[in-house]
C-alpha atoms as a PDB file:
ATOM      1  CA  MET A   1     -76.972   3.970 -29.783  1.00  0.00           C
ATOM      2  CA  ALA A   2     -74.069   4.888 -29.050  1.00  0.00           C
ATOM      3  CA  GLU A   3     -70.771   7.621 -31.244  1.00  0.00           C
ATOM      4  CA  ILE A   4     -67.556   5.872 -30.939  1.00  0.00           C
ATOM      5  CA  ILE A   5     -64.133   7.581 -32.159  1.00  0.00           C
ATOM      6  CA  CYS A   6     -60.817   6.494 -33.406  1.00  0.00           C
ATOM      7  CA  GLN A   7     -58.204   8.935 -34.668  1.00  0.00           C
ATOM      8  CA  GLY A   8     -60.026  11.741 -34.710  1.00  0.00           C
ATOM      9  CA  VAL A   9     -62.587   9.541 -37.067  1.00  0.00           C
ATOM     10  CA  ARG A  10     -66.128   9.668 -35.245  1.00  0.00           C
ATOM     11  CA  PHE A  11     -68.413   6.781 -35.886  1.00  0.00           C
ATOM     12  CA  ALA A  12     -71.745   7.907 -34.751  1.00  0.00           C
ATOM     13  CA  ALA A  13     -75.328   6.215 -34.055  1.00  0.00           C
ATOM     14  CA  ILE A  14     -74.004   2.804 -33.831  1.00  0.00           C
ATOM     15  CA  GLU A  15     -75.130  -0.533 -32.282  1.00  0.00           C
ATOM     16  CA  ALA A  16     -73.139  -2.846 -32.815  1.00  0.00           C
ATOM     17  CA  VAL A  17     -69.443  -3.468 -33.042  1.00  0.00           C
ATOM     18  CA  ILE A  18     -68.419  -6.468 -34.911  1.00  0.00           C
ATOM     19  CA  PHE A  19     -64.692  -7.705 -34.684  1.00  0.00           C
ATOM     20  CA  ASP A  20     -62.455  -9.924 -37.213  1.00  0.00           C
ATOM     21  CA  LYS A  21     -60.976 -13.065 -35.072  1.00  0.00           C
ATOM     22  CA  ASP A  22     -57.916 -13.613 -36.253  1.00  0.00           C
ATOM     23  CA  GLY A  23     -55.074 -11.191 -35.791  1.00  0.00           C
ATOM     24  CA  THR A  24     -57.190  -8.915 -34.872  1.00  0.00           C
ATOM     25  CA  LEU A  25     -58.405 -10.444 -30.989  1.00  0.00           C
ATOM     26  CA  ALA A  26     -55.840 -13.065 -31.477  1.00  0.00           C
ATOM     27  CA  ASP A  27     -52.562 -13.192 -32.135  1.00  0.00           C
ATOM     28  CA  SER A  28     -52.619 -15.854 -34.649  1.00  0.00           C
ATOM     29  CA  HIS A  29     -48.901 -15.196 -36.116  1.00  0.00           C
ATOM     30  CA  GLN A  30     -46.915 -18.186 -34.114  1.00  0.00           C
ATOM     31  CA  TYR A  31     -50.309 -20.466 -34.747  1.00  0.00           C
ATOM     32  CA  LEU A  32     -49.377 -19.083 -38.368  1.00  0.00           C
ATOM     33  CA  HIS A  33     -46.100 -19.819 -38.618  1.00  0.00           C
ATOM     34  CA  HIS A  34     -46.974 -23.586 -37.073  1.00  0.00           C
ATOM     35  CA  LEU A  35     -49.246 -24.320 -39.420  1.00  0.00           C
ATOM     36  CA  GLY A  36     -47.872 -23.312 -42.375  1.00  0.00           C
ATOM     37  CA  LYS A  37     -44.596 -25.847 -42.023  1.00  0.00           C
ATOM     38  CA  LYS A  38     -46.529 -28.736 -41.046  1.00  0.00           C
ATOM     39  CA  ARG A  39     -48.700 -27.870 -44.468  1.00  0.00           C
ATOM     40  CA  ALA A  40     -45.565 -28.220 -45.905  1.00  0.00           C
ATOM     41  CA  GLU A  41     -43.759 -30.935 -44.537  1.00  0.00           C
ATOM     42  CA  CYS A  42     -46.783 -32.911 -45.063  1.00  0.00           C
ATOM     43  CA  ILE A  43     -46.952 -32.446 -48.597  1.00  0.00           C
ATOM     44  CA  ALA A  44     -43.224 -32.627 -48.594  1.00  0.00           C
ATOM     45  CA  ALA A  45     -43.765 -36.236 -47.687  1.00  0.00           C
ATOM     46  CA  ILE A  46     -45.234 -37.084 -51.141  1.00  0.00           C
ATOM     47  CA  ALA A  47     -44.175 -34.416 -53.528  1.00  0.00           C
ATOM     48  CA  PRO A  48     -40.225 -33.118 -52.056  1.00  0.00           C
ATOM     49  CA  ASN A  49     -39.899 -30.826 -54.266  1.00  0.00           C
ATOM     50  CA  LEU A  50     -42.666 -29.013 -54.242  1.00  0.00           C
ATOM     51  CA  LYS A  51     -41.632 -28.025 -50.157  1.00  0.00           C
ATOM     52  CA  ASP A  52     -39.522 -24.189 -50.764  1.00  0.00           C
ATOM     53  CA  ALA A  53     -42.915 -23.856 -53.328  1.00  0.00           C
ATOM     54  CA  VAL A  54     -45.718 -24.395 -50.545  1.00  0.00           C
ATOM     55  CA  LEU A  55     -43.825 -22.194 -48.340  1.00  0.00           C
ATOM     56  CA  GLU A  56     -43.096 -19.181 -50.609  1.00  0.00           C
ATOM     57  CA  ALA A  57     -47.003 -19.283 -51.482  1.00  0.00           C
ATOM     58  CA  PHE A  58     -47.980 -19.265 -48.327  1.00  0.00           C
ATOM     59  CA  GLY A  59     -45.486 -16.075 -47.190  1.00  0.00           C
ATOM     60  CA  PHE A  60     -42.701 -17.482 -46.039  1.00  0.00           C
ATOM     61  CA  GLU A  61     -38.971 -15.811 -46.817  1.00  0.00           C
ATOM     62  CA  GLN A  62     -35.870 -17.267 -45.415  1.00  0.00           C
ATOM     63  CA  GLY A  63     -37.732 -18.654 -42.900  1.00  0.00           C
ATOM     64  CA  ARG A  64     -40.570 -15.917 -41.574  1.00  0.00           C
ATOM     65  CA  LEU A  65     -43.818 -16.005 -42.527  1.00  0.00           C
ATOM     66  CA  ASP A  66     -45.319 -12.941 -43.386  1.00  0.00           C
ATOM     67  CA  PRO A  67     -48.051 -12.384 -40.823  1.00  0.00           C
ATOM     68  CA  ALA A  68     -50.158 -10.208 -43.437  1.00  0.00           C
ATOM     69  CA  GLY A  69     -49.330 -12.564 -46.142  1.00  0.00           C
ATOM     70  CA  PHE A  70     -51.675 -15.286 -47.502  1.00  0.00           C
ATOM     71  CA  LEU A  71     -50.935 -17.570 -45.107  1.00  0.00           C
ATOM     72  CA  ALA A  72     -52.809 -15.454 -42.733  1.00  0.00           C
ATOM     73  CA  ARG A  73     -56.229 -13.659 -45.018  1.00  0.00           C
ATOM     74  CA  SER A  74     -57.046 -16.993 -46.965  1.00  0.00           C
ATOM     75  CA  THR A  75     -58.928 -18.961 -46.708  1.00  0.00           C
ATOM     76  CA  ARG A  76     -58.527 -22.857 -46.250  1.00  0.00           C
ATOM     77  CA  GLU A  77     -60.496 -24.047 -49.705  1.00  0.00           C
ATOM     78  CA  GLU A  78     -58.359 -21.041 -50.655  1.00  0.00           C
ATOM     79  CA  ASP A  79     -55.209 -22.417 -48.881  1.00  0.00           C
ATOM     80  CA  GLU A  80     -56.216 -25.840 -50.851  1.00  0.00           C
ATOM     81  CA  SER A  81     -56.770 -24.377 -54.355  1.00  0.00           C
ATOM     82  CA  VAL A  82     -53.720 -23.117 -54.792  1.00  0.00           C
ATOM     83  CA  ILE A  83     -51.838 -26.114 -53.146  1.00  0.00           C
ATOM     84  CA  ALA A  84     -53.040 -28.358 -56.256  1.00  0.00           C
ATOM     85  CA  SER A  85     -52.297 -25.662 -58.529  1.00  0.00           C
ATOM     86  CA  LEU A  86     -48.711 -26.442 -57.570  1.00  0.00           C
ATOM     87  CA  MET A  87     -49.100 -30.150 -57.493  1.00  0.00           C
ATOM     88  CA  ILE A  88     -50.847 -29.833 -61.107  1.00  0.00           C
ATOM     89  CA  GLN A  89     -48.182 -27.446 -62.160  1.00  0.00           C
ATOM     90  CA  ALA A  90     -45.672 -30.513 -61.301  1.00  0.00           C
ATOM     91  CA  GLY A  91     -47.071 -33.337 -63.424  1.00  0.00           C
ATOM     92  CA  TYR A  92     -50.127 -34.947 -60.711  1.00  0.00           C
ATOM     93  CA  PRO A  93     -53.064 -35.631 -62.822  1.00  0.00           C
ATOM     94  CA  SER A  94     -55.637 -32.566 -61.592  1.00  0.00           C
ATOM     95  CA  SER A  95     -58.119 -35.581 -60.791  1.00  0.00           C
ATOM     96  CA  GLU A  96     -56.064 -36.536 -57.574  1.00  0.00           C
ATOM     97  CA  ALA A  97     -54.411 -33.436 -56.805  1.00  0.00           C
ATOM     98  CA  SER A  98     -57.566 -31.943 -54.801  1.00  0.00           C
ATOM     99  CA  ALA A  99     -57.974 -34.738 -52.926  1.00  0.00           C
ATOM    100  CA  ILE A 100     -54.208 -35.146 -52.090  1.00  0.00           C
ATOM    101  CA  VAL A 101     -54.107 -31.976 -50.722  1.00  0.00           C
ATOM    102  CA  GLN A 102     -57.014 -31.833 -48.450  1.00  0.00           C
ATOM    103  CA  ALA A 103     -55.483 -35.340 -46.920  1.00  0.00           C
ATOM    104  CA  ALA A 104     -51.886 -33.529 -46.599  1.00  0.00           C
ATOM    105  CA  PHE A 105     -53.914 -30.729 -44.484  1.00  0.00           C
ATOM    106  CA  ARG A 106     -56.239 -32.964 -42.110  1.00  0.00           C
ATOM    107  CA  SER A 107     -52.813 -34.868 -41.148  1.00  0.00           C
ATOM    108  CA  ALA A 108     -51.276 -31.323 -40.417  1.00  0.00           C
ATOM    109  CA  ASP A 109     -54.241 -30.405 -38.437  1.00  0.00           C
ATOM    110  CA  GLN A 110     -54.168 -33.704 -36.383  1.00  0.00           C
ATOM    111  CA  GLN A 111     -49.866 -33.144 -35.676  1.00  0.00           C
ATOM    112  CA  LEU A 112     -50.557 -29.206 -34.074  1.00  0.00           C
ATOM    113  CA  PRO A 113     -52.170 -28.613 -30.531  1.00  0.00           C
ATOM    114  CA  ARG A 114     -54.882 -27.467 -30.466  1.00  0.00           C
ATOM    115  CA  LYS A 115     -54.908 -23.924 -32.539  1.00  0.00           C
ATOM    116  CA  ALA A 116     -56.997 -21.885 -29.321  1.00  0.00           C
ATOM    117  CA  THR A 117     -53.668 -22.004 -27.264  1.00  0.00           C
ATOM    118  CA  LEU A 118     -52.003 -20.514 -29.785  1.00  0.00           C
ATOM    119  CA  THR A 119     -53.692 -17.738 -30.406  1.00  0.00           C
ATOM    120  CA  PRO A 120     -54.437 -15.187 -27.181  1.00  0.00           C
ATOM    121  CA  LEU A 121     -55.773 -12.539 -27.588  1.00  0.00           C
ATOM    122  CA  PHE A 122     -53.706  -9.538 -27.670  1.00  0.00           C
ATOM    123  CA  PRO A 123     -53.004  -6.240 -25.102  1.00  0.00           C
ATOM    124  CA  GLY A 124     -55.133  -4.905 -24.768  1.00  0.00           C
ATOM    125  CA  VAL A 125     -57.956  -5.964 -26.431  1.00  0.00           C
ATOM    126  CA  ILE A 126     -60.368  -7.792 -23.142  1.00  0.00           C
ATOM    127  CA  GLU A 127     -59.784  -4.016 -22.146  1.00  0.00           C
ATOM    128  CA  LEU A 128     -62.215  -2.743 -25.141  1.00  0.00           C
ATOM    129  CA  ILE A 129     -63.930  -5.224 -25.796  1.00  0.00           C
ATOM    130  CA  GLN A 130     -65.229  -4.022 -22.632  1.00  0.00           C
ATOM    131  CA  SER A 131     -65.851  -0.845 -23.062  1.00  0.00           C
ATOM    132  CA  PHE A 132     -68.019  -2.398 -25.638  1.00  0.00           C
ATOM    133  CA  SER A 133     -70.173  -3.721 -22.725  1.00  0.00           C
ATOM    134  CA  SER A 134     -73.138  -2.208 -24.077  1.00  0.00           C
ATOM    135  CA  LEU A 135     -73.185  -2.396 -27.254  1.00  0.00           C
ATOM    136  CA  LYS A 136     -74.305  -6.030 -28.879  1.00  0.00           C
ATOM    137  CA  LEU A 137     -70.937  -7.304 -29.935  1.00  0.00           C
ATOM    138  CA  GLY A 138     -70.470 -10.121 -32.640  1.00  0.00           C
ATOM    139  CA  ILE A 139     -67.414 -12.107 -34.443  1.00  0.00           C
ATOM    140  CA  LEU A 140     -67.121 -12.229 -37.704  1.00  0.00           C
ATOM    141  CA  THR A 141     -64.385 -14.145 -39.063  1.00  0.00           C
ATOM    142  CA  SER A 142     -63.043 -16.962 -42.161  1.00  0.00           C
ATOM    143  CA  ASP A 143     -62.181 -19.506 -39.673  1.00  0.00           C
ATOM    144  CA  SER A 144     -64.548 -22.387 -38.693  1.00  0.00           C
ATOM    145  CA  GLU A 145     -67.712 -22.526 -36.550  1.00  0.00           C
ATOM    146  CA  ALA A 146     -65.095 -24.943 -34.129  1.00  0.00           C
ATOM    147  CA  ASN A 147     -62.434 -22.895 -34.036  1.00  0.00           C
ATOM    148  CA  LEU A 148     -64.454 -19.852 -33.767  1.00  0.00           C
ATOM    149  CA  GLN A 149     -66.361 -21.632 -30.589  1.00  0.00           C
ATOM    150  CA  GLU A 150     -62.658 -23.422 -29.008  1.00  0.00           C
ATOM    151  CA  PHE A 151     -61.683 -19.454 -29.101  1.00  0.00           C
ATOM    152  CA  ILE A 152     -64.673 -17.812 -27.083  1.00  0.00           C
ATOM    153  CA  ASN A 153     -64.163 -20.855 -24.568  1.00  0.00           C
ATOM    154  CA  CYS A 154     -60.562 -20.748 -24.542  1.00  0.00           C
ATOM    155  CA  TYR A 155     -60.810 -17.225 -23.038  1.00  0.00           C
ATOM    156  CA  GLN A 156     -63.579 -17.313 -21.750  1.00  0.00           C
ATOM    157  CA  LEU A 157     -65.212 -14.734 -23.973  1.00  0.00           C
ATOM    158  CA  SER A 158     -68.697 -16.182 -24.915  1.00  0.00           C
ATOM    159  CA  SER A 159     -70.426 -13.730 -22.280  1.00  0.00           C
ATOM    160  CA  CYS A 160     -69.121 -10.680 -23.900  1.00  0.00           C
ATOM    161  CA  PHE A 161     -70.673 -12.042 -27.413  1.00  0.00           C
ATOM    162  CA  GLN A 162     -74.391 -12.426 -27.983  1.00  0.00           C
ATOM    163  CA  GLY A 163     -73.398 -13.468 -31.965  1.00  0.00           C
ATOM    164  CA  ASN A 164     -70.718 -15.278 -33.975  1.00  0.00           C
ATOM    165  CA  VAL A 165     -70.629 -15.911 -36.937  1.00  0.00           C
ATOM    166  CA  GLY A 166     -66.829 -18.317 -38.624  1.00  0.00           C
ATOM    167  CA  ALA A 167     -66.207 -19.983 -42.111  1.00  0.00           C
ATOM    168  CA  GLN A 168     -69.953 -19.989 -44.327  1.00  0.00           C
ATOM    169  CA  ALA A 169     -69.398 -22.521 -47.821  1.00  0.00           C
ATOM    170  CA  GLY A 170     -68.631 -20.487 -51.102  1.00  0.00           C
ATOM    171  CA  ILE A 171     -68.731 -17.059 -49.523  1.00  0.00           C
ATOM    172  CA  SER A 172     -66.193 -15.010 -47.901  1.00  0.00           C
ATOM    173  CA  LYS A 173     -65.280 -11.479 -46.963  1.00  0.00           C
ATOM    174  CA  PRO A 174     -65.529  -9.333 -48.483  1.00  0.00           C
ATOM    175  CA  ASN A 175     -68.831 -10.331 -49.570  1.00  0.00           C
ATOM    176  CA  PRO A 176     -71.283  -8.602 -47.925  1.00  0.00           C
ATOM    177  CA  GLN A 177     -73.874 -11.102 -47.271  1.00  0.00           C
ATOM    178  CA  LEU A 178     -72.334 -12.448 -44.085  1.00  0.00           C
ATOM    179  CA  LEU A 179     -72.163  -9.071 -43.295  1.00  0.00           C
ATOM    180  CA  SER A 180     -75.982  -9.281 -43.273  1.00  0.00           C
ATOM    181  CA  LEU A 181     -75.610 -12.997 -42.130  1.00  0.00           C
ATOM    182  CA  ILE A 182     -74.180 -11.706 -38.292  1.00  0.00           C
ATOM    183  CA  CYS A 183     -76.222  -8.358 -38.002  1.00  0.00           C
ATOM    184  CA  GLU A 184     -79.352 -10.914 -38.499  1.00  0.00           C
ATOM    185  CA  VAL A 185     -78.030 -13.087 -35.510  1.00  0.00           C
ATOM    186  CA  LEU A 186     -77.503  -9.678 -34.139  1.00  0.00           C
ATOM    187  CA  ASN A 187     -80.788  -8.149 -34.867  1.00  0.00           C
ATOM    188  CA  VAL A 188     -79.221  -4.610 -35.871  1.00  0.00           C
ATOM    189  CA  ASP A 189     -79.403  -2.809 -39.138  1.00  0.00           C
ATOM    190  CA  PRO A 190     -76.100  -2.855 -41.004  1.00  0.00           C
ATOM    191  CA  GLU A 191     -75.598   1.418 -41.092  1.00  0.00           C
ATOM    192  CA  ALA A 192     -75.211   0.695 -36.985  1.00  0.00           C
ATOM    193  CA  THR A 193     -72.242  -1.514 -36.996  1.00  0.00           C
ATOM    194  CA  LEU A 194     -68.946  -1.253 -37.302  1.00  0.00           C
ATOM    195  CA  VAL A 195     -67.061  -3.246 -37.990  1.00  0.00           C
ATOM    196  CA  ILE A 196     -62.929  -3.838 -36.599  1.00  0.00           C
ATOM    197  CA  GLY A 197     -60.562  -5.890 -38.770  1.00  0.00           C
ATOM    198  CA  ASP A 198     -56.450  -6.278 -40.032  1.00  0.00           C
ATOM    199  CA  THR A 199     -57.360  -7.508 -43.859  1.00  0.00           C
ATOM    200  CA  ILE A 200     -58.903  -5.706 -46.843  1.00  0.00           C
ATOM    201  CA  ALA A 201     -61.560  -8.286 -46.767  1.00  0.00           C
ATOM    202  CA  ASP A 202     -62.753  -6.692 -43.688  1.00  0.00           C
ATOM    203  CA  THR A 203     -62.291  -3.380 -44.298  1.00  0.00           C
ATOM    204  CA  GLN A 204     -64.527  -3.532 -47.393  1.00  0.00           C
ATOM    205  CA  LEU A 205     -67.515  -4.889 -45.143  1.00  0.00           C
ATOM    206  CA  THR A 206     -68.383  -1.963 -44.656  1.00  0.00           C
ATOM    207  CA  ARG A 207     -67.714   2.079 -44.933  1.00  0.00           C
ATOM    208  CA  ARG A 208     -68.231   1.868 -41.275  1.00  0.00           C
ATOM    209  CA  SER A 209     -64.852  -0.188 -40.112  1.00  0.00           C
ATOM    210  CA  ILE A 210     -61.874   0.794 -38.334  1.00  0.00           C
ATOM    211  CA  GLY A 211     -58.197  -0.961 -39.930  1.00  0.00           C
ATOM    212  CA  VAL A 212     -56.021  -1.960 -37.492  1.00  0.00           C
ATOM    213  CA  THR A 213     -52.090  -2.797 -37.748  1.00  0.00           C
ATOM    214  CA  TRP A 214     -51.212  -4.292 -34.456  1.00  0.00           C
ATOM    215  CA  GLY A 215     -51.681  -8.241 -36.066  1.00  0.00           C
ATOM    216  CA  GLY A 216     -48.680  -7.224 -38.528  1.00  0.00           C
ATOM    217  CA  SER A 217     -50.825  -5.709 -41.450  1.00  0.00           C
ATOM    218  CA  THR A 218     -49.925  -2.546 -42.814  1.00  0.00           C
ATOM    219  CA  ILE A 219     -51.920   1.047 -43.673  1.00  0.00           C
ATOM    220  CA  ALA A 220     -51.497   0.003 -47.500  1.00  0.00           C
ATOM    221  CA  GLN A 221     -53.176  -3.445 -46.858  1.00  0.00           C
ATOM    222  CA  LEU A 222     -56.556  -1.897 -44.650  1.00  0.00           C
ATOM    223  CA  ALA A 223     -57.760   0.344 -48.256  1.00  0.00           C
ATOM    224  CA  GLY A 224     -61.224   1.056 -47.723  1.00  0.00           C
ATOM    225  CA  ALA A 225     -61.078   1.495 -43.639  1.00  0.00           C
ATOM    226  CA  ALA A 226     -62.704   5.043 -41.922  1.00  0.00           C
ATOM    227  CA  ALA A 227     -60.227   5.443 -40.070  1.00  0.00           C
ATOM    228  CA  ILE A 228     -56.873   3.202 -38.602  1.00  0.00           C
ATOM    229  CA  ALA A 229     -56.120   1.837 -34.594  1.00  0.00           C
ATOM    230  CA  HIS A 230     -52.639   1.059 -33.967  1.00  0.00           C
ATOM    231  CA  GLN A 231     -53.639   0.328 -30.694  1.00  0.00           C
ATOM    232  CA  PRO A 232     -57.227  -1.293 -28.625  1.00  0.00           C
ATOM    233  CA  ALA A 233     -56.559   2.119 -27.150  1.00  0.00           C
ATOM    234  CA  GLU A 234     -57.016   4.316 -29.816  1.00  0.00           C
ATOM    235  CA  ILE A 235     -60.710   2.846 -30.251  1.00  0.00           C
ATOM    236  CA  ARG A 236     -63.127   4.816 -27.548  1.00  0.00           C
ATOM    237  CA  LEU A 237     -66.309   4.698 -26.890  1.00  0.00           C
ATOM    238  CA  LEU A 238     -67.799   8.381 -26.453  1.00  0.00           C
END
């Protein structure tokens, strides 16, 4: 057990630290910008009049993507659902909209570079991870298991983390089942874990959470966090 401090808030009896990936460990803004643009292009190839609506739904404004907008915090399934709704509103049959969007998203995936290469570690994050080497560490992400594993391999993090959980069908953060799942993998009690993440979906997983702003989130978007960190160095093991 250990004690961790952030901005004067102390977390006692911590056995494990669970990190979110995108926006917390990984700087995913460049990737999300490319992804949102490419998905909009692929939808526009079928429905040209929807491109601007798709970009707006993802959080683009005047060509810039909100780093804490919808695309940054949503799952792939949520993205598909929102864009399928736009297609239905535009007059496409509801029986076809989902299939069209899924095909467009797959096409976008095929045209983009590998995600891990566009999601580097934030400065200071590797030092933070290493400072917790005496604890059990895990990653809990809404990204796919394949993307999670590729990220770990790309940045040689396999020795740092003892348990990692990617997207689960039908379950998304802040569903407490996900916290229970990764705690089972790590063989720790949820009450002995600290969650570090950049969205309200992370900070609402548990009352023992630290919200981080270095990925672009604002304090207002981190409701429920027991503490807020603006730089990795502000989170310390005592």
